[in-house]
Amino acid sequence: MDRVRIGVLASGRGSNFQSIAEAIRRGEIDAEVAVLVCNVPGAGAIERAQELNVPHVVIDHAAFGKDREAFEHAVAAELTKCDVRLVVLAGFMRLLTPHFLRQFPNRILNIHPSLLPAFPGAHGIRDAIAHGAKVTGLTIHLVDESLDGGPIVLQKAVPVEEGDSEERLAARVLDWEHVLYPLAVKLFVEGRLTVEGRRVRIDWSGLERPSVP
């Protein structure tokens, strides 16, 4: 069977992209990153792709003005050209329209720095601290047309410590993101995820199940 080809969409540093690419390189995931698509020229993810020898392309959303569908058409065309089966959002700071999502049904993974459905949106860490939450964490989910509301694949609880700054808490959450995002990709690639409505069932047979949440 051919290896699953992955397309990664990123806007920033690309550390989760790197964690997945390195897990593939170590042989932990039987897949390949076919392309990194970055919508921000000069973003750190581009340099990481160069260092990892991963094909990459910059599609600057600003060049499309307010025409979101035209931007997404260009992104989807690149993914299709690269025969991508799984789309991984790794710090991709653009909301995707239903037009795009329908092209990759249940084939888009996203990671969010909170225990969804708590604290969706762009500032999950900041919002958890502001709300006085004692526990936050991360959620890896399949993407649907809701805001950070798709079926949940994996979650990990991370305590909010007394006096935590946004940066300090974000760093602890990110450490777990680098562990669990490659695992979620592995589960997809090996056909271990079954979506039943809002529930994702996981076949853990033969795998060591992580201690989550």
Protein backbone atom coordinates (compact mmCIF):
# COMPACT_ATOMS: atom_id res chain seq x y z
CA MET A 1 0.00 0.00 0.00
CA ASP A 2 1.26 3.48 -0.85
CA ARG A 3 2.32 5.68 2.03
CA VAL A 4 -0.23 8.28 3.08
CA ARG A 5 0.70 11.69 1.73
CA ILE A 6 0.22 14.56 4.16
CA GLY A 7 -0.21 18.24 3.45
CA VAL A 8 0.62 20.58 6.33
CA LEU A 9 -0.80 24.12 6.51
CA ALA A 10 1.12 26.53 8.73
CA SER A 11 1.31 30.24 9.42
CA GLY A 12 3.97 30.58 12.09
CA ARG A 13 6.94 28.83 13.69
CA GLY A 14 6.04 25.36 12.51
CA SER A 15 7.16 23.45 15.61
CA ASN A 16 4.26 20.99 15.38
CA PHE A 17 5.02 20.51 11.70
CA GLN A 18 8.60 19.66 12.67
CA SER A 19 7.49 17.20 15.37
CA ILE A 20 5.39 15.31 12.82
CA ALA A 21 8.06 15.38 10.12
CA GLU A 22 10.69 14.10 12.55
CA ALA A 23 8.39 11.29 13.75
CA ILE A 24 8.01 10.25 10.11
CA ARG A 25 11.76 10.38 9.63
CA ARG A 26 12.25 8.12 12.68
CA GLY A 27 9.89 5.58 11.14
CA GLU A 28 7.17 6.06 13.75
CA ILE A 29 4.58 7.08 11.13
CA ASP A 30 4.29 5.31 7.78
CA ALA A 31 3.59 8.44 5.77
CA GLU A 32 5.33 11.33 4.06
CA VAL A 33 4.86 15.07 4.19
CA ALA A 34 4.11 15.76 0.54
CA VAL A 35 4.03 19.54 0.97
CA LEU A 36 4.06 22.33 3.52
CA VAL A 37 1.82 25.22 2.51
CA CYS A 38 2.51 28.47 4.35
CA ASN A 39 0.35 31.57 3.99
CA VAL A 40 2.82 33.97 5.61
CA PRO A 41 6.01 34.84 3.71
CA GLY A 42 9.06 34.54 5.95
CA ALA A 43 7.34 32.41 8.62
CA GLY A 44 9.56 30.08 10.63
CA ALA A 45 7.81 27.02 9.22
CA ILE A 46 9.41 27.70 5.85
CA GLU A 47 12.93 27.51 7.26
CA ARG A 48 12.06 24.31 9.09
CA ALA A 49 10.79 22.80 5.84
CA GLN A 50 14.05 23.72 4.13
CA GLU A 51 16.09 22.13 6.93
CA LEU A 52 13.95 18.97 6.80
CA ASN A 53 14.06 18.83 3.01
CA VAL A 54 10.26 18.93 2.81
CA PRO A 55 8.67 20.41 -0.34
CA HIS A 56 7.06 23.73 0.49
CA VAL A 57 5.16 26.55 -1.15
CA VAL A 58 4.10 30.01 0.01
CA ILE A 59 0.57 31.09 -0.87
CA ASP A 60 0.19 34.55 0.65
CA HIS A 61 -3.44 35.08 1.66
CA ALA A 62 -2.91 38.84 1.55
CA ALA A 63 -2.51 38.66 -2.23
CA PHE A 64 -6.14 37.54 -2.49
CA GLY A 65 -7.58 40.44 -0.49
CA LYS A 66 -10.96 39.53 0.99
CA ASP A 67 -11.57 36.69 -1.47
CA ARG A 68 -11.17 33.77 0.93
CA GLU A 69 -12.47 31.20 -1.51
CA ALA A 70 -9.93 32.21 -4.15
CA PHE A 71 -7.14 31.77 -1.58
CA GLU A 72 -8.51 28.40 -0.53
CA HIS A 73 -8.88 27.32 -4.14
CA ALA A 74 -5.15 27.94 -4.61
CA VAL A 75 -4.33 25.98 -1.45
CA ALA A 76 -6.63 23.09 -2.38
CA ALA A 77 -5.15 22.98 -5.88
CA GLU A 78 -1.66 22.60 -4.40
CA LEU A 79 -2.80 19.84 -2.05
CA THR A 80 -4.57 18.04 -4.87
CA LYS A 81 -1.54 18.34 -7.13
CA CYS A 82 0.52 16.69 -4.40
CA ASP A 83 -2.05 13.89 -4.01
CA VAL A 84 -2.58 14.73 -0.34
CA ARG A 85 -4.86 12.41 1.63
CA LEU A 86 -4.56 14.00 5.09
CA VAL A 87 -4.44 17.74 5.79
CA VAL A 88 -2.80 18.78 9.05
CA LEU A 89 -3.28 22.29 10.42
CA ALA A 90 -0.17 23.26 12.38
CA GLY A 91 -0.64 26.78 13.63
CA PHE A 92 -2.61 27.75 10.53
CA MET A 93 -4.21 31.06 11.46
CA ARG A 94 -7.00 31.16 8.87
CA LEU A 95 -10.59 30.04 9.22
CA LEU A 96 -11.49 27.58 6.49
CA THR A 97 -14.74 27.91 4.58
CA PRO A 98 -17.22 25.07 4.04
CA HIS A 99 -16.14 25.06 0.38
CA PHE A 100 -12.65 23.94 1.41
CA LEU A 101 -13.78 21.56 4.13
CA ARG A 102 -16.07 19.67 1.79
CA GLN A 103 -13.08 18.75 -0.35
CA PHE A 104 -11.41 16.90 2.56
CA PRO A 105 -14.26 15.43 4.67
CA ASN A 106 -12.95 13.97 7.96
CA ARG A 107 -9.45 14.33 6.54
CA ILE A 108 -8.36 17.56 8.25
CA LEU A 109 -6.73 17.49 11.70
CA ASN A 110 -6.32 20.53 13.89
CA ILE A 111 -4.74 21.10 17.30
CA HIS A 112 -6.07 23.65 19.78
CA PRO A 113 -4.53 24.78 23.11
CA SER A 114 -7.48 24.11 25.39
CA LEU A 115 -9.77 21.30 26.46
CA LEU A 116 -12.52 21.89 23.94
CA PRO A 117 -15.32 22.81 24.02
CA ALA A 118 -13.85 25.21 26.61
CA PHE A 119 -12.02 28.28 25.30
CA PRO A 120 -12.29 27.98 21.51
CA GLY A 121 -10.85 30.68 19.25
CA ALA A 122 -7.49 32.31 18.80
CA HIS A 123 -6.53 32.83 22.48
CA GLY A 124 -7.22 29.56 24.27
CA ILE A 125 -4.32 29.88 26.73
CA ARG A 126 -4.98 33.53 27.53
CA ASP A 127 -8.70 32.89 27.98
CA ALA A 128 -8.11 29.97 30.36
CA ILE A 129 -5.88 32.11 32.60
CA ALA A 130 -8.28 35.06 32.49
CA HIS A 131 -11.17 32.77 33.44
CA GLY A 132 -9.28 31.41 36.44
CA ALA A 133 -9.28 27.85 35.14
CA LYS A 134 -7.38 25.34 37.28
CA VAL A 135 -6.89 22.94 34.36
CA THR A 136 -6.56 23.52 30.65
CA GLY A 137 -4.71 21.49 28.04
CA LEU A 138 -4.91 20.64 24.37
CA THR A 139 -7.33 19.03 21.96
CA ILE A 140 -6.67 17.37 18.61
CA HIS A 141 -9.81 17.19 16.54
CA LEU A 142 -11.15 16.66 13.07
CA VAL A 143 -12.22 19.90 11.44
CA ASP A 144 -15.82 20.62 10.55
CA GLU A 145 -17.70 23.83 9.80
CA SER A 146 -17.88 24.92 13.45
CA LEU A 147 -15.24 26.97 15.27
CA ASP A 148 -12.90 24.46 16.95
CA GLY A 149 -15.88 22.16 17.27
CA GLY A 150 -15.15 19.06 15.19
CA PRO A 151 -15.06 15.49 16.55
CA ILE A 152 -12.36 15.08 19.20
CA VAL A 153 -9.51 12.61 18.61
CA LEU A 154 -7.20 13.16 21.60
CA GLN A 155 -7.06 15.46 24.61
CA LYS A 156 -4.51 16.10 27.34
CA ALA A 157 -5.14 17.97 30.58
CA VAL A 158 -2.44 20.39 31.74
CA PRO A 159 -2.72 22.07 35.18
CA VAL A 160 -2.69 25.85 35.41
CA GLU A 161 -0.12 26.66 38.06
CA GLU A 162 -0.32 29.56 40.48
CA GLY A 163 1.12 32.68 38.88
CA ASP A 164 1.33 31.17 35.39
CA SER A 165 1.97 33.62 32.61
CA GLU A 166 0.49 33.00 29.18
CA GLU A 167 3.96 32.19 27.84
CA ARG A 168 4.84 29.76 30.64
CA LEU A 169 1.58 27.84 30.38
CA ALA A 170 1.72 27.83 26.58
CA ALA A 171 5.20 26.27 26.70
CA ARG A 172 3.98 23.36 28.87
CA VAL A 173 1.00 22.79 26.60
CA LEU A 174 3.25 22.91 23.54
CA ASP A 175 5.48 20.18 24.98
CA TRP A 176 2.45 17.87 24.99
CA GLU A 177 1.38 19.02 21.54
CA HIS A 178 4.70 17.75 20.16
CA VAL A 179 4.02 14.34 21.72
CA LEU A 180 0.36 13.88 20.83
CA TYR A 181 0.04 15.48 17.39
CA PRO A 182 2.34 12.90 15.76
CA LEU A 183 0.37 10.18 17.59
CA ALA A 184 -2.92 11.50 16.17
CA VAL A 185 -1.42 11.51 12.68
CA LYS A 186 -0.23 7.93 13.21
CA LEU A 187 -3.72 6.85 14.28
CA PHE A 188 -5.22 8.37 11.14
CA VAL A 189 -2.58 6.95 8.83
CA GLU A 190 -3.03 3.44 10.23
CA GLY A 191 -6.81 3.60 9.82
CA ARG A 192 -7.43 3.43 13.56
CA LEU A 193 -9.97 6.28 13.71
CA THR A 194 -13.67 5.66 13.16
CA VAL A 195 -16.02 8.65 13.19
CA GLU A 196 -19.51 7.99 14.52
CA GLY A 197 -21.38 11.28 14.64
CA ARG A 198 -19.49 13.44 17.13
CA ARG A 199 -17.57 10.52 18.59
CA VAL A 200 -14.19 9.29 17.31
CA ARG A 201 -13.49 5.69 18.24
CA ILE A 202 -9.83 4.64 18.36
CA ASP A 203 -8.43 1.17 17.78
CA TRP A 204 -5.53 0.94 20.26
CA SER A 205 -4.75 -2.74 19.54
CA GLY A 206 -1.03 -3.33 19.45
CA LEU A 207 -0.23 0.23 20.57
CA GLU A 208 0.79 1.61 23.93
CA ARG A 209 -2.05 3.87 24.96
CA PRO A 210 -0.85 7.22 26.35
CA SER A 211 -1.95 8.39 29.78
CA VAL A 212 -4.42 11.01 28.58
CA PRO A 213 -6.23 13.09 29.59
